[in-house]
Protein backbone atom coordinates (compact mmCIF):
# COMPACT_ATOMS: atom_id res chain seq x y z
CA UNK A 1 -8.87 9.87 49.63
CA UNK A 2 -8.87 8.80 53.30
CA UNK A 3 -11.38 11.55 54.11
CA UNK A 4 -13.62 10.26 51.33
CA UNK A 5 -13.27 6.68 52.57
CA UNK A 6 -14.05 7.76 56.12
CA UNK A 7 -17.13 9.60 54.88
CA UNK A 8 -18.25 6.49 52.97
CA UNK A 9 -17.87 4.31 56.05
CA UNK A 10 -19.74 6.82 58.17
CA UNK A 11 -22.64 6.99 55.69
CA UNK A 12 -22.65 3.19 55.38
CA UNK A 13 -22.75 2.72 59.15
CA UNK A 14 -25.53 5.29 59.52
CA UNK A 15 -27.56 3.78 56.69
CA UNK A 16 -27.24 0.25 58.04
CA UNK A 17 -28.08 1.39 61.57
CA UNK A 18 -31.29 2.95 60.26
CA UNK A 19 -32.22 0.12 57.88
CA UNK A 20 -31.37 -2.98 59.90
CA UNK A 21 -34.25 -2.65 62.42
CA UNK A 22 -36.87 -2.26 59.67
CA UNK A 23 -35.56 -4.72 57.06
CA UNK A 24 -35.38 -8.54 56.96
CA UNK A 25 -32.50 -10.24 58.73
CA UNK A 26 -31.12 -11.45 55.40
CA UNK A 27 -30.60 -7.81 54.39
CA UNK A 28 -29.39 -6.53 57.73
CA UNK A 29 -26.74 -9.26 57.97
CA UNK A 30 -25.08 -8.09 54.76
CA UNK A 31 -26.16 -4.45 54.76
CA UNK A 32 -22.60 -3.02 54.71
CA UNK A 33 -21.86 -5.03 51.57
CA UNK A 34 -24.97 -3.74 49.80
CA UNK A 35 -24.23 -0.13 50.74
CA UNK A 36 -20.57 -0.43 49.73
CA UNK A 37 -21.61 -1.91 46.37
CA UNK A 38 -24.14 0.89 45.94
CA UNK A 39 -21.36 3.46 46.44
CA UNK A 40 -19.11 1.74 43.88
CA UNK A 41 -21.96 1.76 41.33
CA UNK A 42 -22.56 5.48 41.96
CA UNK A 43 -18.83 6.23 41.64
CA UNK A 44 -18.57 4.43 38.31
CA UNK A 45 -21.75 6.07 37.05
CA UNK A 46 -20.77 9.63 38.00
CA UNK A 47 -17.21 9.37 36.67
CA UNK A 48 -18.16 7.63 33.44
CA UNK A 49 -20.95 10.16 32.78
CA UNK A 50 -18.62 13.11 33.38
CA UNK A 51 -15.77 11.75 31.26
CA UNK A 52 -18.16 10.36 28.65
CA UNK A 53 -19.81 13.76 28.23
CA UNK A 54 -16.44 15.34 27.38
CA UNK A 55 -15.84 12.62 24.78
CA UNK A 56 -19.41 12.93 23.48
CA UNK A 57 -19.12 16.68 22.86
CA UNK A 58 -15.81 16.19 21.02
CA UNK A 59 -17.18 13.33 18.91
CA UNK A 60 -20.40 15.23 18.12
CA UNK A 61 -18.33 18.17 16.87
CA UNK A 62 -16.17 15.79 14.82
CA UNK A 63 -19.28 14.20 13.29
CA UNK A 64 -20.41 17.63 12.12
CA UNK A 65 -16.96 18.67 10.94
CA UNK A 66 -16.19 19.15 7.27
CA UNK A 67 -12.84 17.42 7.88
CA UNK A 68 -13.30 13.98 6.31
CA UNK A 69 -10.78 12.25 8.59
CA UNK A 70 -12.36 13.55 11.81
CA UNK A 71 -15.84 12.79 10.53
CA UNK A 72 -15.05 9.20 9.57
CA UNK A 73 -13.01 8.49 12.72
CA UNK A 74 -15.85 9.75 14.92
CA UNK A 75 -18.37 7.66 12.94
CA UNK A 76 -16.29 4.48 13.34
CA UNK A 77 -15.89 5.03 17.08
CA UNK A 78 -19.61 5.65 17.54
CA UNK A 79 -20.59 2.71 15.33
CA UNK A 80 -18.28 0.23 17.08
CA UNK A 81 -19.32 1.07 20.64
CA UNK A 82 -23.03 1.38 19.84
CA UNK A 83 -23.03 -1.72 17.66
CA UNK A 84 -21.40 -4.19 20.06
CA UNK A 85 -22.69 -5.43 23.43
CA UNK A 86 -21.29 -3.79 26.54
CA UNK A 87 -20.41 -7.22 27.94
CA UNK A 88 -18.26 -8.00 24.89
CA UNK A 89 -16.45 -4.68 25.26
CA UNK A 90 -15.73 -5.38 28.93
CA UNK A 91 -14.42 -8.87 28.26
CA UNK A 92 -12.21 -7.80 25.34
CA UNK A 93 -10.64 -5.13 27.53
CA UNK A 94 -10.32 -7.25 30.68
CA UNK A 95 -9.60 -10.76 29.41
CA UNK A 96 -8.00 -9.62 26.15
CA UNK A 97 -5.93 -6.47 26.60
CA UNK A 98 -5.67 -6.95 30.36
CA UNK A 99 -4.07 -10.38 29.89
CA UNK A 100 -1.13 -8.89 27.97
CA UNK A 101 0.51 -7.89 31.26
CA UNK A 102 2.86 -5.10 32.25
CA UNK A 103 5.61 -6.14 29.83
CA UNK A 104 3.46 -5.73 26.73
CA UNK A 105 1.32 -2.80 27.82
CA UNK A 106 4.12 -0.72 29.31
CA UNK A 107 2.95 2.66 30.63
CA UNK A 108 -0.68 1.68 29.90
CA UNK A 109 -0.57 -1.20 32.38
CA UNK A 110 -1.94 0.82 35.36
CA UNK A 111 -5.13 1.33 33.35
CA UNK A 112 -5.61 -2.39 32.74
CA UNK A 113 -4.39 -4.11 35.88
CA UNK A 114 -7.65 -3.67 37.83
CA UNK A 115 -11.21 -4.46 36.90
CA UNK A 116 -12.46 -1.15 38.32
CA UNK A 117 -10.37 1.00 35.98
CA UNK A 118 -11.22 -1.18 32.97
CA UNK A 119 -14.89 -0.95 33.88
CA UNK A 120 -14.63 2.84 34.09
CA UNK A 121 -12.86 3.06 30.72
CA UNK A 122 -15.40 0.86 28.93
CA UNK A 123 -18.43 2.57 30.50
CA UNK A 124 -16.96 5.96 29.58
CA UNK A 125 -16.30 5.01 25.97
CA UNK A 126 -19.69 3.32 25.67
CA UNK A 127 -21.74 6.22 27.00
CA UNK A 128 -19.57 8.69 25.06
CA UNK A 129 -20.62 7.00 21.82
CA UNK A 130 -24.33 7.06 22.65
CA UNK A 131 -24.39 10.60 24.01
CA UNK A 132 -22.44 11.90 21.01
CA UNK A 133 -25.27 10.77 18.75
CA UNK A 134 -27.84 12.28 21.11
CA UNK A 135 -26.02 15.62 21.03
CA UNK A 136 -25.51 15.44 17.28
CA UNK A 137 -29.23 14.95 16.87
CA UNK A 138 -29.85 18.04 18.98
CA UNK A 139 -27.34 20.12 17.04
CA UNK A 140 -28.70 19.25 13.59
CA UNK A 141 -32.21 20.24 14.72
CA UNK A 142 -31.12 23.82 15.43
CA UNK A 143 -31.65 26.17 12.46
CA UNK A 144 -28.37 26.75 10.62
CA UNK A 145 -29.12 30.44 10.50
CA UNK A 146 -28.19 30.77 14.18
CA UNK A 147 -24.69 29.45 13.52
CA UNK A 148 -24.30 31.71 10.50
CA UNK A 149 -25.48 34.73 12.49
CA UNK A 150 -23.05 33.99 15.33
CA UNK A 151 -20.12 33.69 12.91
CA UNK A 152 -21.23 36.88 11.16
CA UNK A 153 -20.99 38.79 14.46
CA UNK A 154 -17.33 37.84 14.76
CA UNK A 155 -17.53 34.70 16.89
CA UNK A 156 -15.29 31.77 15.97
CA UNK A 157 -16.71 28.35 15.10
CA UNK A 158 -15.93 26.98 18.58
CA UNK A 159 -17.32 30.06 20.33
CA UNK A 160 -20.52 29.76 18.32
CA UNK A 161 -20.79 26.07 19.15
CA UNK A 162 -20.20 26.42 22.89
CA UNK A 163 -22.18 29.62 23.48
CA UNK A 164 -25.00 29.38 20.95
CA UNK A 165 -25.51 25.88 19.57
CA UNK A 166 -24.52 23.52 22.39
CA UNK A 167 -26.78 25.02 25.11
CA UNK A 168 -29.77 24.69 22.77
CA UNK A 169 -28.75 21.16 21.80
CA UNK A 170 -28.68 20.18 25.48
CA UNK A 171 -32.22 21.47 25.93
CA UNK A 172 -33.39 19.37 23.00
CA UNK A 173 -31.40 16.27 23.98
CA UNK A 174 -31.88 16.46 27.77
CA UNK A 175 -34.71 13.86 28.09
CA UNK A 176 -32.86 11.40 25.84
CA UNK A 177 -29.66 12.02 27.80
CA UNK A 178 -31.49 11.21 31.04
CA UNK A 179 -32.67 7.92 29.56
CA UNK A 180 -29.11 7.11 28.51
CA UNK A 181 -27.83 7.67 32.07
CA UNK A 182 -30.45 5.28 33.44
CA UNK A 183 -29.50 2.70 30.80
CA UNK A 184 -25.84 3.16 31.71
CA UNK A 185 -26.67 2.62 35.37
CA UNK A 186 -28.33 -0.70 34.52
CA UNK A 187 -25.53 -1.68 32.16
CA UNK A 188 -22.94 -0.96 34.85
CA UNK A 189 -24.06 -4.17 36.59
CA UNK A 190 -22.02 -6.05 33.97
CA UNK A 191 -18.75 -4.86 35.54
CA UNK A 192 -19.41 -7.49 38.20
CA UNK A 193 -18.29 -10.04 35.58
CA UNK A 194 -14.76 -8.61 35.67
CA UNK A 195 -14.32 -8.86 39.46
CA UNK A 196 -15.65 -5.40 40.32
CA UNK A 197 -17.59 -5.41 43.59
CA UNK A 198 -20.26 -2.96 42.59
CA UNK A 199 -23.86 -3.44 43.75
CA UNK A 200 -24.35 -6.51 41.55
CA UNK A 201 -20.90 -7.83 42.42
CA UNK A 202 -21.64 -7.62 46.13
CA UNK A 203 -25.06 -9.19 45.55
CA UNK A 204 -23.47 -12.17 43.79
CA UNK A 205 -20.97 -12.52 46.61
CA UNK A 206 -23.72 -12.48 49.23
CA UNK A 207 -25.75 -15.03 47.27
CA UNK A 208 -22.76 -17.36 46.97
CA UNK A 209 -22.56 -17.38 50.78
CA UNK A 210 -26.24 -17.50 51.70
CA UNK A 211 -27.94 -19.07 48.64
CA UNK A 212 -30.87 -16.81 49.45
CA UNK A 213 -32.56 -15.49 46.31
CA UNK A 214 -34.03 -12.61 48.31
CA UNK A 215 -30.70 -10.78 48.03
CA UNK A 216 -31.39 -10.12 44.35
CA UNK A 217 -34.70 -8.48 45.31
CA UNK A 218 -32.82 -6.18 47.70
CA UNK A 219 -30.39 -5.35 44.90
CA UNK A 220 -33.30 -4.57 42.57
CA UNK A 221 -34.78 -2.18 45.14
CA UNK A 222 -31.46 -0.34 45.46
CA UNK A 223 -31.18 -0.05 41.68
CA UNK A 224 -34.73 1.31 41.56
CA UNK A 225 -33.84 3.88 44.20
CA UNK A 226 -30.81 4.97 42.18
CA UNK A 227 -32.90 5.13 38.99
CA UNK A 228 -35.44 7.27 40.83
CA UNK A 229 -32.72 9.63 42.02
CA UNK A 230 -31.41 10.01 38.46
CA UNK A 231 -34.92 10.62 37.12
CA UNK A 232 -35.60 13.31 39.73
CA UNK A 233 -32.24 14.97 39.04
CA UNK A 234 -32.92 15.19 35.33
CA UNK A 235 -36.49 16.34 35.94
CA UNK A 236 -35.13 19.11 38.14
CA UNK A 237 -32.66 20.06 35.39
CA UNK A 238 -35.45 20.06 32.80
CA UNK A 239 -37.59 22.38 34.93
CA UNK A 240 -34.64 24.72 35.43
CA UNK A 241 -34.10 24.87 31.68
CA UNK A 242 -37.75 25.72 31.11
CA UNK A 243 -37.66 28.55 33.62
CA UNK A 244 -34.07 29.59 32.82
């Protein structure tokens, strides 16, 4: 972890050294805060996307399962997290469950004692619900004959799903998945309401000290840069799929 922290500080120092001479003084003065918040936003986004994708695949499979219990449980999970605002989910977890303390939560307390971990959990569960429906939509649009043919050749249900159906579903769902990641990036700004110093959290802190509204414009530019990076990454992935 120390190596990672050292690398973050080195990148932050280099970025601020390059940006300070060509940006307004109001940005240069607080540049390390903006860059640190940018890193926290990226960390939350990458981790929640990775963990959420694992959940999404499992839930999508459950939604297509003939097992009534799995099907209904997956539907309820997806419905709850897609049907309630992200802010409400964060506050229920942080101010609700988090307020129960170590005595009531027991071994779960490490997951709820810090805003960062709660933010990661909620973002993961939220994106998992949305992506599961995106993947399910991709799976149901693949002709059933492919699944039947795979099973007929001796492949198990899971082998057929992972090797035949899921890769095709990703190709179909890839653009929608890219949009969901961008939406998650924007929604991640809400973790600043539970004491997380992400990009928006650092921006609010800087504004409370300077009362300069320009800091929100700088934050918007950094979010746009991150959105552009995500868009380019998914465009690259889409082109690779087309030529794959």
